[in-house]
Amino acid sequence: QVQLVESGGGLVQAGGSLRLSCAASGSSFRLVSIGWYRQAPGKQRELVAGISNDGRSSYDVSVQGRFTISRDNAKNTVYLQMNSLKPEDTAVYYCTRGTWGVMFRRDPFAPWGQGTQVTVSS
């Protein structure tokens, strides 16, 4: 099984950038799709972006054009480059594994990690 650990969060001013990393253990990383989710206080967890094992990507409309998801299979890592950050992007960000149909679909048995906090000040 692929285990995932998120990092790279922090405090940034509106308009700034951050790059999140999702580091994976396990030899099957290159075979799985990965999704980035976020959960803001008092809100449900939502899918932000996903990437297939062969590099196809999808984004929520709220981050389209500002966020870029990528993967480096040699480093067993998926990245989420976040530019032009807004206060409403403030949340705990999680990565998880899944499959790809039309877009990313989370494996319902995949555990959630601790996530990484992103705080955008106005």
Protein backbone atom coordinates (compact mmCIF):
# COMPACT_ATOMS: atom_id res chain seq x y z
CA GLN A 1 0.00 0.00 0.00
CA VAL A 2 1.08 3.55 -0.71
CA GLN A 3 1.49 5.73 2.38
CA LEU A 4 1.43 9.52 1.94
CA VAL A 5 2.81 12.42 3.98
CA GLU A 6 1.97 16.06 3.29
CA SER A 7 4.31 19.02 3.85
CA GLY A 8 4.99 22.55 2.70
CA GLY A 9 2.19 24.51 4.28
CA GLY A 10 2.63 27.81 6.05
CA LEU A 11 1.51 31.38 6.46
CA VAL A 12 1.54 33.59 3.38
CA GLN A 13 0.04 36.91 2.38
CA ALA A 14 -2.70 37.14 -0.20
CA GLY A 15 -1.21 37.01 -3.67
CA GLY A 16 1.69 34.88 -2.52
CA SER A 17 2.69 31.33 -3.40
CA LEU A 18 3.33 28.03 -1.70
CA ARG A 19 4.30 24.59 -2.94
CA LEU A 20 2.91 21.59 -1.14
CA SER A 21 4.52 18.17 -1.34
CA CYS A 22 2.97 14.75 -0.98
CA ALA A 23 5.70 12.19 -0.36
CA ALA A 24 4.86 8.56 -0.88
CA SER A 25 6.34 5.32 0.35
CA GLY A 26 5.81 2.06 -1.44
CA SER A 27 6.82 0.73 -4.82
CA SER A 28 3.38 1.11 -6.38
CA PHE A 29 3.31 4.92 -6.24
CA ARG A 30 3.71 5.25 -10.01
CA LEU A 31 0.57 3.16 -10.51
CA VAL A 32 -1.82 5.27 -8.46
CA SER A 33 -3.60 8.54 -8.99
CA ILE A 34 -3.23 11.21 -6.32
CA GLY A 35 -5.65 13.88 -5.22
CA TRP A 36 -5.23 17.00 -3.11
CA TYR A 37 -8.11 17.89 -0.82
CA ARG A 38 -8.61 20.74 1.60
CA GLN A 39 -10.80 21.35 4.59
CA ALA A 40 -11.49 24.80 5.97
CA PRO A 41 -12.91 25.29 9.47
CA GLY A 42 -16.59 24.45 9.57
CA LYS A 43 -16.63 23.19 6.00
CA GLN A 44 -16.57 19.82 4.32
CA ARG A 45 -13.41 18.41 2.82
CA GLU A 46 -13.28 19.17 -0.89
CA LEU A 47 -11.24 17.95 -3.82
CA VAL A 48 -8.90 20.64 -5.11
CA ALA A 49 -6.88 18.85 -7.79
CA GLY A 50 -6.01 15.38 -8.97
CA ILE A 51 -3.40 13.75 -11.15
CA SER A 52 -3.51 10.36 -12.82
CA ASN A 53 -0.66 7.88 -12.87
CA ASP A 54 0.16 9.02 -16.41
CA GLY A 55 0.01 12.73 -15.67
CA ARG A 56 -3.52 13.79 -16.57
CA SER A 57 -4.84 16.46 -14.22
CA SER A 58 -8.06 18.06 -13.12
CA TYR A 59 -8.89 21.04 -10.93
CA ASP A 60 -11.75 22.48 -8.99
CA VAL A 61 -13.05 25.62 -10.65
CA SER A 62 -12.07 27.67 -7.59
CA VAL A 63 -8.36 27.00 -8.17
CA GLN A 64 -8.27 26.63 -11.95
CA GLY A 65 -5.51 28.78 -13.37
CA ARG A 66 -3.88 29.40 -9.98
CA PHE A 67 -2.90 25.91 -8.79
CA THR A 68 -0.83 23.33 -10.65
CA ILE A 69 -0.53 19.69 -9.70
CA SER A 70 2.44 17.65 -10.86
CA ARG A 71 4.23 14.44 -10.02
CA ASP A 72 7.80 13.18 -9.99
CA ASN A 73 7.67 9.40 -9.98
CA ALA A 74 11.44 9.18 -9.53
CA LYS A 75 11.04 11.00 -6.22
CA ASN A 76 7.73 9.38 -5.29
CA THR A 77 6.27 12.84 -4.82
CA VAL A 78 3.28 14.83 -5.99
CA TYR A 79 3.37 18.62 -5.79
CA LEU A 80 0.71 21.27 -5.60
CA GLN A 81 2.00 24.65 -6.71
CA MET A 82 -0.33 27.33 -5.40
CA ASN A 83 -0.06 30.83 -6.82
CA SER A 84 -2.14 33.98 -6.35
CA LEU A 85 -3.33 32.68 -3.03
CA LYS A 86 -6.49 34.10 -1.52
CA PRO A 87 -7.72 34.14 2.09
CA GLU A 88 -10.42 31.65 1.08
CA ASP A 89 -7.67 29.14 0.26
CA THR A 90 -6.95 28.89 3.98
CA ALA A 91 -7.44 25.27 5.00
CA VAL A 92 -5.71 22.07 5.98
CA TYR A 93 -4.56 20.37 2.78
CA TYR A 94 -4.45 16.58 2.43
CA CYS A 95 -3.29 14.23 -0.27
CA THR A 96 -4.69 10.77 -0.83
CA ARG A 97 -4.55 7.99 -3.37
CA GLY A 98 -7.20 6.88 -5.78
CA THR A 99 -8.04 6.02 -9.36
CA TRP A 100 -8.82 7.96 -12.53
CA GLY A 101 -11.96 7.84 -14.58
CA VAL A 102 -13.06 11.15 -16.01
CA MET A 103 -11.29 12.70 -13.05
CA PHE A 104 -9.73 11.69 -9.77
CA ARG A 105 -11.70 9.29 -7.60
CA ARG A 106 -10.53 8.68 -4.07
CA ASP A 107 -9.99 5.14 -2.82
CA PRO A 108 -12.60 4.97 -0.05
CA PHE A 109 -10.28 2.76 2.01
CA ALA A 110 -7.31 5.13 1.75
CA PRO A 111 -6.45 6.69 5.11
CA TRP A 112 -6.19 10.42 5.63
CA GLY A 113 -2.87 11.82 6.81
CA GLN A 114 -2.35 14.71 9.20
CA GLY A 115 -2.42 17.25 6.41
CA THR A 116 -0.55 20.51 6.17
CA GLN A 117 -1.97 23.87 7.23
CA VAL A 118 -2.13 26.70 4.71
CA THR A 119 -3.05 30.12 6.05
CA VAL A 120 -3.46 33.09 3.72
CA SER A 121 -3.66 36.49 5.35
CA SER A 122 -5.43 39.43 3.74
